[in-house]
Amino acid sequence: MHPRPSPIAASLYTLRDLNADVIIMHGPHGCCFRTGRLLESDGVRVLTTAMAENDFIFGASEKLEETLRKADKMFNPKLVGIVGTCASMIIGEDLKEAVENVETDAIVLPVESHGGFGEGDNTEGAIAVLEVAVKHGVIPKEEADRQIKMLKLATKIEKTRGMAKGDYIKPNFGDNKEEVAKVLIQNIEEGKKVAFVLNAKKETSYLFADVLNVDFKNINKSNKPIFIANLDENIGLPRIRDHAKNIAKELRQNGISIDYTTGGLDEYPITPRKAEEILKEENFDLILVSGVPHALKIEELNPKTKTIAVTDGPRLVEPLRQLGYNYVVAELDAHSKTLGTSEIVDSDFGMMIRTVIDWNNDK
């Protein structure tokens, strides 16, 4: 019942991950306004055909053709995505015909998605892009099939363990970050076994990796936390692999080593399986999971282990508590903070951990 991400937005993000130079939204100028503006920070030029009332009746194929010509002239793109919206798809606009009528050297991907596309799940919009990308030779079918498998698993996780599991979930901003930071630091000080699990999604990993980037070495030099992360640099679309490379490199430069790599950033629905195996092998006193913590089956781990979830969704706080997490920390605006960056971004919780460490050192 509560609003959820749109297939249109998912189409836009997936075109971004394919390194599209320009995306044209065929619809009203206000459609997916915020997402389009955010993607500009990632170097993608996002345009609109600005359909109006008359266009809803008579069609706007000429507007689409003209916008594509202008985009070609202004930006000289190599890869262009045209994304349908509710307005253009409901009236049956033919995106492919418009593309055929415009001469351009660019590869143009017409994506017929809209707000209620398929079952209405946001992942449907991403799948539509991948299927069109295969037809135009942008990615191999094997990679698209792998991506689609991950997207369907992600939808299943949201519907069974995440914010789509209930009719309505009231937003909740989680536990007090200072108190949770003190619990984490106290466990390290006392020599308890602590594990950090990064199970992050795409560019939001720049924010969620920040808790791994804290200098824990001087808290208890004989008690190094274990770091587990889905930072495989050889898996995923080009932009996603770059994110993993950037984060892993920055961590290494700061003297932080990943003890176990569970997979790629777009494999967050399945990477928890390997993390769970590692966590079950050793008797940890505290486990912190950041990014997409509801994908990890925390309920199957030692019930005596204290657990912390770090998420970006106020509507995920209550489901995470229901799964059994002892503490839940909510980070806000993960996408807007990480778009356009190639470096780890300070998170609210990471900064609070550093503050508490400084307080303890000053005593």
Protein backbone atom coordinates (compact mmCIF):
# COMPACT_ATOMS: atom_id res chain seq x y z
CA MET A 1 0.00 0.00 0.00
CA HIS A 2 2.90 2.39 0.61
CA PRO A 3 4.76 3.88 -2.39
CA ARG A 4 7.68 1.87 -3.74
CA PRO A 5 10.36 2.44 -6.40
CA SER A 6 9.10 2.60 -9.98
CA PRO A 7 10.09 0.41 -12.98
CA ILE A 8 10.80 3.69 -14.80
CA ALA A 9 13.45 4.66 -12.24
CA ALA A 10 14.96 1.17 -12.45
CA SER A 11 15.21 1.53 -16.23
CA LEU A 12 17.04 4.83 -15.79
CA TYR A 13 19.53 3.42 -13.31
CA THR A 14 20.21 0.33 -15.44
CA LEU A 15 20.88 2.47 -18.52
CA ARG A 16 23.28 4.45 -16.33
CA ASP A 17 25.04 1.21 -15.36
CA LEU A 18 25.43 0.39 -19.07
CA ASN A 19 27.25 3.73 -19.36
CA ALA A 20 24.57 5.37 -21.52
CA ASP A 21 25.56 8.90 -22.51
CA VAL A 22 22.00 10.22 -22.87
CA ILE A 23 18.60 9.07 -21.63
CA ILE A 24 15.40 10.48 -23.13
CA MET A 25 12.23 10.09 -21.10
CA HIS A 26 9.20 10.03 -23.35
CA GLY A 27 6.58 11.57 -21.12
CA PRO A 28 5.60 14.69 -19.13
CA HIS A 29 8.47 16.86 -17.94
CA GLY A 30 7.78 16.02 -14.29
CA CYS A 31 7.94 12.24 -14.65
CA CYS A 32 10.72 10.74 -12.48
CA PHE A 33 12.03 14.28 -12.04
CA ARG A 34 14.18 13.56 -8.99
CA THR A 35 15.76 10.41 -10.42
CA GLY A 36 16.60 12.20 -13.67
CA ARG A 37 18.23 15.09 -11.85
CA LEU A 38 20.22 12.75 -9.61
CA LEU A 39 21.56 10.82 -12.60
CA GLU A 40 22.96 14.04 -14.03
CA SER A 41 25.43 13.86 -11.11
CA ASP A 42 26.62 10.54 -12.52
CA GLY A 43 27.48 12.08 -15.87
CA VAL A 44 24.34 11.01 -17.74
CA ARG A 45 22.43 13.64 -19.70
CA VAL A 46 18.73 13.09 -18.96
CA LEU A 47 16.21 14.74 -21.32
CA THR A 48 12.43 14.72 -21.63
CA THR A 49 10.00 15.05 -24.52
CA ALA A 50 7.72 17.03 -22.15
CA MET A 51 4.44 15.52 -23.33
CA ALA A 52 1.41 17.72 -22.63
CA GLU A 53 -2.39 17.25 -22.69
CA ASN A 54 -2.78 17.32 -26.49
CA ASP A 55 -0.02 14.71 -26.79
CA PHE A 56 -1.98 12.33 -24.57
CA ILE A 57 -4.71 12.37 -27.22
CA PHE A 58 -2.90 12.79 -30.54
CA GLY A 59 0.47 11.24 -29.71
CA ALA A 60 3.95 12.72 -29.54
CA SER A 61 6.16 10.66 -31.84
CA GLU A 62 7.37 13.83 -33.58
CA LYS A 63 8.45 15.27 -30.24
CA LEU A 64 10.41 12.13 -29.52
CA GLU A 65 12.13 12.21 -32.92
CA GLU A 66 13.02 15.88 -32.51
CA THR A 67 14.40 15.31 -29.01
CA LEU A 68 16.55 12.44 -30.26
CA ARG A 69 17.93 14.62 -33.09
CA LYS A 70 18.74 17.42 -30.64
CA ALA A 71 20.44 14.99 -28.28
CA ASP A 72 22.51 13.59 -31.13
CA LYS A 73 23.62 17.06 -32.19
CA MET A 74 24.28 18.43 -28.71
CA PHE A 75 26.08 15.50 -27.11
CA ASN A 76 27.31 13.24 -29.94
CA PRO A 77 26.45 10.18 -27.85
CA LYS A 78 27.56 6.61 -28.41
CA LEU A 79 24.74 5.03 -26.40
CA VAL A 80 21.25 6.48 -25.93
CA GLY A 81 18.33 5.09 -23.96
CA ILE A 82 14.72 6.05 -24.62
CA VAL A 83 12.49 5.22 -21.68
CA GLY A 84 8.73 5.04 -21.88
CA THR A 85 6.55 6.44 -19.11
CA CYS A 86 2.97 5.80 -18.03
CA ALA A 87 1.66 8.50 -20.37
CA SER A 88 3.42 7.39 -23.56
CA MET A 89 2.98 3.65 -23.00
CA ILE A 90 -0.72 3.80 -22.13
CA ILE A 91 -1.51 5.57 -25.42
CA GLY A 92 0.67 3.10 -27.33
CA GLU A 93 3.54 5.28 -28.54
CA ASP A 94 5.91 3.32 -30.80
CA LEU A 95 9.43 4.05 -29.56
CA LYS A 96 11.06 1.78 -32.13
CA GLU A 97 9.46 3.56 -35.07
CA ALA A 98 10.68 6.92 -33.81
CA VAL A 99 14.23 5.56 -33.55
CA GLU A 100 14.07 4.22 -37.11
CA ASN A 101 13.06 7.66 -38.39
CA VAL A 102 16.15 9.40 -36.98
CA GLU A 103 19.63 9.12 -38.49
CA THR A 104 22.28 8.73 -35.80
CA ASP A 105 25.54 6.86 -35.31
CA ALA A 106 24.58 6.11 -31.71
CA ILE A 107 23.19 2.82 -30.48
CA VAL A 108 19.66 3.67 -29.33
CA LEU A 109 17.84 1.41 -26.86
CA PRO A 110 14.03 1.85 -26.83
CA VAL A 111 12.74 0.69 -23.44
CA GLU A 112 8.98 0.29 -23.21
CA SER A 113 8.58 0.47 -19.45
CA HIS A 114 6.11 2.39 -17.31
CA GLY A 115 4.98 2.68 -13.70
CA GLY A 116 2.80 -0.43 -13.77
CA PHE A 117 5.03 -2.44 -16.10
CA GLY A 118 4.73 -6.22 -15.63
CA GLU A 119 3.79 -6.86 -12.02
CA GLY A 120 4.69 -3.29 -11.13
CA ASP A 121 7.94 -4.29 -9.40
CA ASN A 122 10.76 -1.83 -9.98
CA THR A 123 13.05 -4.64 -11.15
CA GLU A 124 10.78 -5.11 -14.19
CA GLY A 125 12.12 -1.86 -15.60
CA ALA A 126 15.71 -3.01 -15.20
CA ILE A 127 14.93 -6.34 -16.88
CA ALA A 128 13.37 -4.51 -19.84
CA VAL A 129 16.61 -2.58 -20.37
CA LEU A 130 18.76 -5.70 -20.19
CA GLU A 131 16.62 -7.52 -22.75
CA VAL A 132 16.81 -4.62 -25.21
CA ALA A 133 20.57 -4.29 -24.60
CA VAL A 134 21.07 -7.91 -25.66
CA LYS A 135 19.11 -7.36 -28.89
CA HIS A 136 21.36 -4.41 -29.76
CA GLY A 137 24.60 -6.20 -28.88
CA VAL A 138 25.45 -3.97 -25.92
CA ILE A 139 25.89 -6.89 -23.49
CA PRO A 140 26.04 -10.67 -24.04
CA LYS A 141 22.96 -12.75 -23.33
CA GLU A 142 24.80 -14.67 -20.60
CA GLU A 143 25.39 -11.48 -18.62
CA ALA A 144 21.80 -10.34 -19.10
CA ASP A 145 20.52 -13.73 -17.92
CA ARG A 146 22.70 -13.50 -14.80
CA GLN A 147 21.54 -9.96 -14.11
CA ILE A 148 17.88 -10.91 -14.56
CA LYS A 149 18.28 -13.84 -12.17
CA MET A 150 19.70 -11.48 -9.53
CA LEU A 151 16.89 -8.97 -10.07
CA LYS A 152 14.18 -11.60 -9.63
CA LEU A 153 15.84 -12.85 -6.46
CA ALA A 154 16.04 -9.25 -5.21
CA THR A 155 12.30 -8.85 -5.76
CA LYS A 156 11.64 -12.06 -3.84
CA ILE A 157 13.74 -10.83 -0.91
CA GLU A 158 11.83 -7.53 -0.76
CA LYS A 159 8.48 -9.32 -0.86
CA THR A 160 9.36 -11.88 1.81
CA ARG A 161 11.86 -10.07 4.05
CA GLY A 162 11.86 -6.38 3.11
CA MET A 163 9.67 -3.33 2.74
CA ALA A 164 7.25 -5.03 0.32
CA LYS A 165 6.26 -7.78 2.76
CA GLY A 166 3.51 -5.84 4.53
CA ASP A 167 0.42 -3.88 3.53
CA TYR A 168 1.78 -0.77 5.18
CA ILE A 169 4.98 -0.29 7.16
CA LYS A 170 5.32 2.91 9.13
CA PRO A 171 8.67 4.70 8.53
CA ASN A 172 11.08 4.32 11.43
CA PHE A 173 14.49 5.96 11.78
CA GLY A 174 16.05 3.21 13.85
CA ASP A 175 18.04 3.08 17.03
CA ASN A 176 20.15 5.86 18.49
CA LYS A 177 23.41 5.84 16.54
CA GLU A 178 25.53 6.93 19.51
CA GLU A 179 24.27 4.08 21.68
CA VAL A 180 24.80 1.50 18.93
CA ALA A 181 28.31 2.84 18.25
CA LYS A 182 29.16 2.45 21.95
CA VAL A 183 27.98 -1.19 21.88
CA LEU A 184 30.15 -1.90 18.83
CA ILE A 185 33.27 -0.25 20.27
CA GLN A 186 32.81 -1.86 23.68
CA ASN A 187 32.76 -5.32 22.12
CA ILE A 188 36.03 -4.63 20.29
CA GLU A 189 37.63 -3.14 23.43
CA GLU A 190 36.69 -6.18 25.50
CA GLY A 191 38.27 -8.59 23.00
CA LYS A 192 34.99 -9.96 21.69
CA LYS A 193 34.92 -11.47 18.20
CA VAL A 194 33.34 -8.97 15.81
CA ALA A 195 32.50 -9.40 12.11
CA PHE A 196 31.59 -6.70 9.60
CA VAL A 197 29.56 -7.84 6.57
CA LEU A 198 29.24 -5.47 3.63
CA ASN A 199 26.34 -6.68 1.51
CA ALA A 200 25.76 -3.54 -0.50
CA LYS A 201 24.00 -2.62 -3.72
CA LYS A 202 25.68 -0.78 -6.60
CA GLU A 203 26.72 2.82 -5.88
CA THR A 204 25.22 2.84 -2.37
CA SER A 205 28.23 0.70 -1.44
CA TYR A 206 30.25 3.93 -1.24
CA LEU A 207 28.17 4.89 1.80
CA PHE A 208 27.83 1.49 3.46
CA ALA A 209 31.54 0.70 3.10
CA ASP A 210 32.26 3.64 5.41
CA VAL A 211 31.78 1.51 8.55
CA LEU A 212 34.61 -0.72 7.31
CA ASN A 213 36.75 2.36 6.68
CA VAL A 214 36.83 3.40 10.34
CA ASP A 215 40.24 3.11 12.06
CA PHE A 216 39.53 0.33 14.57
CA LYS A 217 43.19 -0.64 14.99
CA ASN A 218 43.87 1.45 18.10
CA ILE A 219 40.79 0.33 20.03
CA ASN A 220 42.30 -3.06 20.82
CA LYS A 221 45.44 -3.87 18.83
CA SER A 222 45.13 -7.58 19.60
CA ASN A 223 41.52 -7.81 18.44
CA LYS A 224 41.07 -7.18 14.71
CA PRO A 225 37.48 -7.42 13.43
CA ILE A 226 36.80 -9.75 10.49
CA PHE A 227 35.73 -8.03 7.24
CA ILE A 228 33.44 -9.80 4.75
CA ALA A 229 32.36 -7.92 1.61
CA ASN A 230 30.70 -8.38 -1.80
CA LEU A 231 33.47 -6.47 -3.58
CA ASP A 232 34.45 -8.84 -6.38
CA GLU A 233 35.95 -6.52 -9.01
CA ASN A 234 35.32 -8.89 -11.93
CA ILE A 235 31.54 -9.27 -11.71
CA GLY A 236 28.82 -6.97 -13.04
CA LEU A 237 28.20 -4.26 -15.59
CA PRO A 238 31.15 -1.90 -16.27
CA ARG A 239 30.14 0.85 -13.86
CA ILE A 240 29.40 -1.64 -11.08
CA ARG A 241 32.82 -3.29 -11.40
CA ASP A 242 34.39 0.16 -11.16
CA HIS A 243 32.58 0.81 -7.88
CA ALA A 244 34.01 -2.40 -6.38
CA LYS A 245 37.51 -1.53 -7.60
CA ASN A 246 37.33 1.99 -6.19
CA ILE A 247 36.17 0.87 -2.75
CA ALA A 248 38.62 -2.03 -2.45
CA LYS A 249 41.50 0.23 -3.50
CA GLU A 250 40.60 2.93 -0.96
CA LEU A 251 40.29 0.39 1.84
CA ARG A 252 43.71 -1.07 0.97
CA GLN A 253 45.24 2.41 0.95
CA ASN A 254 43.89 2.92 4.47
CA GLY A 255 45.42 -0.35 5.64
CA ILE A 256 42.13 -2.24 5.71
CA SER A 257 42.04 -5.70 4.21
CA ILE A 258 38.96 -7.71 3.26
CA ASP A 259 39.23 -11.17 4.80
CA TYR A 260 36.51 -12.78 2.66
CA THR A 261 35.00 -11.69 -0.67
CA THR A 262 31.50 -13.07 -1.22
CA GLY A 263 30.76 -11.89 -4.79
CA GLY A 264 29.88 -8.77 -6.77
CA LEU A 265 27.90 -5.66 -5.88
CA ASP A 266 24.99 -6.71 -8.07
CA GLU A 267 24.89 -10.16 -6.43
CA TYR A 268 23.60 -8.90 -3.08
CA PRO A 269 20.63 -11.32 -3.13
CA ILE A 270 22.96 -14.37 -3.09
CA THR A 271 26.25 -13.16 -1.56
CA PRO A 272 24.82 -13.58 1.97
CA ARG A 273 24.87 -17.37 1.49
CA LYS A 274 28.69 -17.38 1.51
CA ALA A 275 28.75 -14.86 4.34
CA GLU A 276 26.43 -17.09 6.38
CA GLU A 277 28.79 -20.04 5.92
CA ILE A 278 31.70 -17.98 7.22
CA LEU A 279 29.70 -16.61 10.15
CA LYS A 280 28.54 -20.10 11.17
CA GLU A 281 32.10 -21.47 11.17
CA GLU A 282 33.27 -19.08 13.87
CA ASN A 283 31.61 -18.12 17.13
CA PHE A 284 31.20 -14.35 16.76
CA ASP A 285 29.99 -12.22 19.64
CA LEU A 286 28.76 -9.37 17.41
CA ILE A 287 27.96 -9.13 13.70
CA LEU A 288 27.30 -5.88 11.81
CA VAL A 289 25.64 -6.14 8.37
CA SER A 290 25.46 -3.03 6.20
CA GLY A 291 23.75 -2.34 2.86
CA VAL A 292 21.01 -4.90 2.28
CA PRO A 293 21.00 -6.67 5.66
CA HIS A 294 17.60 -8.32 5.18
CA ALA A 295 19.11 -10.55 2.47
CA LEU A 296 21.22 -12.26 5.15
CA LYS A 297 19.41 -14.98 7.12
CA ILE A 298 20.37 -13.65 10.50
CA GLU A 299 17.76 -15.90 12.13
CA GLU A 300 19.84 -18.97 11.19
CA LEU A 301 22.92 -17.78 13.06
CA ASN A 302 23.81 -18.26 16.73
CA PRO A 303 20.94 -16.65 18.70
CA LYS A 304 23.44 -15.54 21.39
CA THR A 305 25.29 -13.35 18.86
CA LYS A 306 24.45 -9.65 19.03
CA THR A 307 23.58 -8.21 15.61
CA ILE A 308 23.50 -4.72 14.05
CA ALA A 309 21.83 -3.90 10.73
CA VAL A 310 22.70 -0.73 8.80
CA THR A 311 20.09 0.07 6.15
CA ASP A 312 19.01 2.99 3.96
CA GLY A 313 15.27 2.47 4.28
CA PRO A 314 13.12 3.83 7.11
CA ARG A 315 10.50 1.27 6.04
CA LEU A 316 13.06 -1.52 6.45
CA VAL A 317 13.71 -0.87 10.13
CA GLU A 318 10.70 -2.78 11.43
CA PRO A 319 11.13 -5.80 9.08
CA LEU A 320 14.79 -6.04 10.15
CA ARG A 321 13.77 -6.09 13.80
CA GLN A 322 11.25 -8.80 13.02
CA LEU A 323 14.02 -10.87 11.42
CA GLY A 324 15.89 -10.73 14.72
CA TYR A 325 18.44 -7.90 14.51
CA ASN A 326 19.14 -6.49 17.96
CA TYR A 327 19.95 -3.01 16.64
CA VAL A 328 18.94 -1.27 13.41
CA VAL A 329 20.60 1.89 12.15
CA ALA A 330 19.02 3.87 9.29
CA GLU A 331 21.08 5.92 6.84
CA LEU A 332 19.11 8.45 4.79
CA ASP A 333 19.48 9.54 1.14
CA ALA A 334 22.01 6.85 0.22
CA HIS A 335 21.47 7.30 -3.52
CA SER A 336 21.73 11.09 -3.52
CA LYS A 337 24.90 10.97 -1.38
CA THR A 338 26.68 8.46 -3.60
CA LEU A 339 25.76 9.41 -7.16
CA GLY A 340 28.68 10.92 -9.02
CA THR A 341 31.32 9.80 -6.53
CA SER A 342 34.20 7.38 -6.90
CA GLU A 343 35.25 7.47 -3.24
CA ILE A 344 33.84 6.15 0.02
CA VAL A 345 31.33 8.64 1.43
CA ASP A 346 31.09 9.53 5.13
CA SER A 347 28.01 7.88 6.61
CA ASP A 348 26.15 9.18 9.65
CA PHE A 349 26.85 5.97 11.57
CA GLY A 350 30.49 5.83 10.50
CA MET A 351 31.01 9.40 11.68
CA MET A 352 29.33 8.59 14.98
CA ILE A 353 31.65 5.62 15.51
CA ARG A 354 34.67 7.88 14.90
CA THR A 355 33.26 10.47 17.32
CA VAL A 356 32.81 7.91 20.10
CA ILE A 357 36.34 6.58 19.51
CA ASP A 358 37.67 10.14 19.84
CA TRP A 359 35.69 10.67 23.04
CA ASN A 360 37.16 7.50 24.51
CA ASN A 361 40.70 8.53 23.53
CA ASP A 362 40.25 11.91 25.23
CA LYS A 363 39.29 10.37 28.55
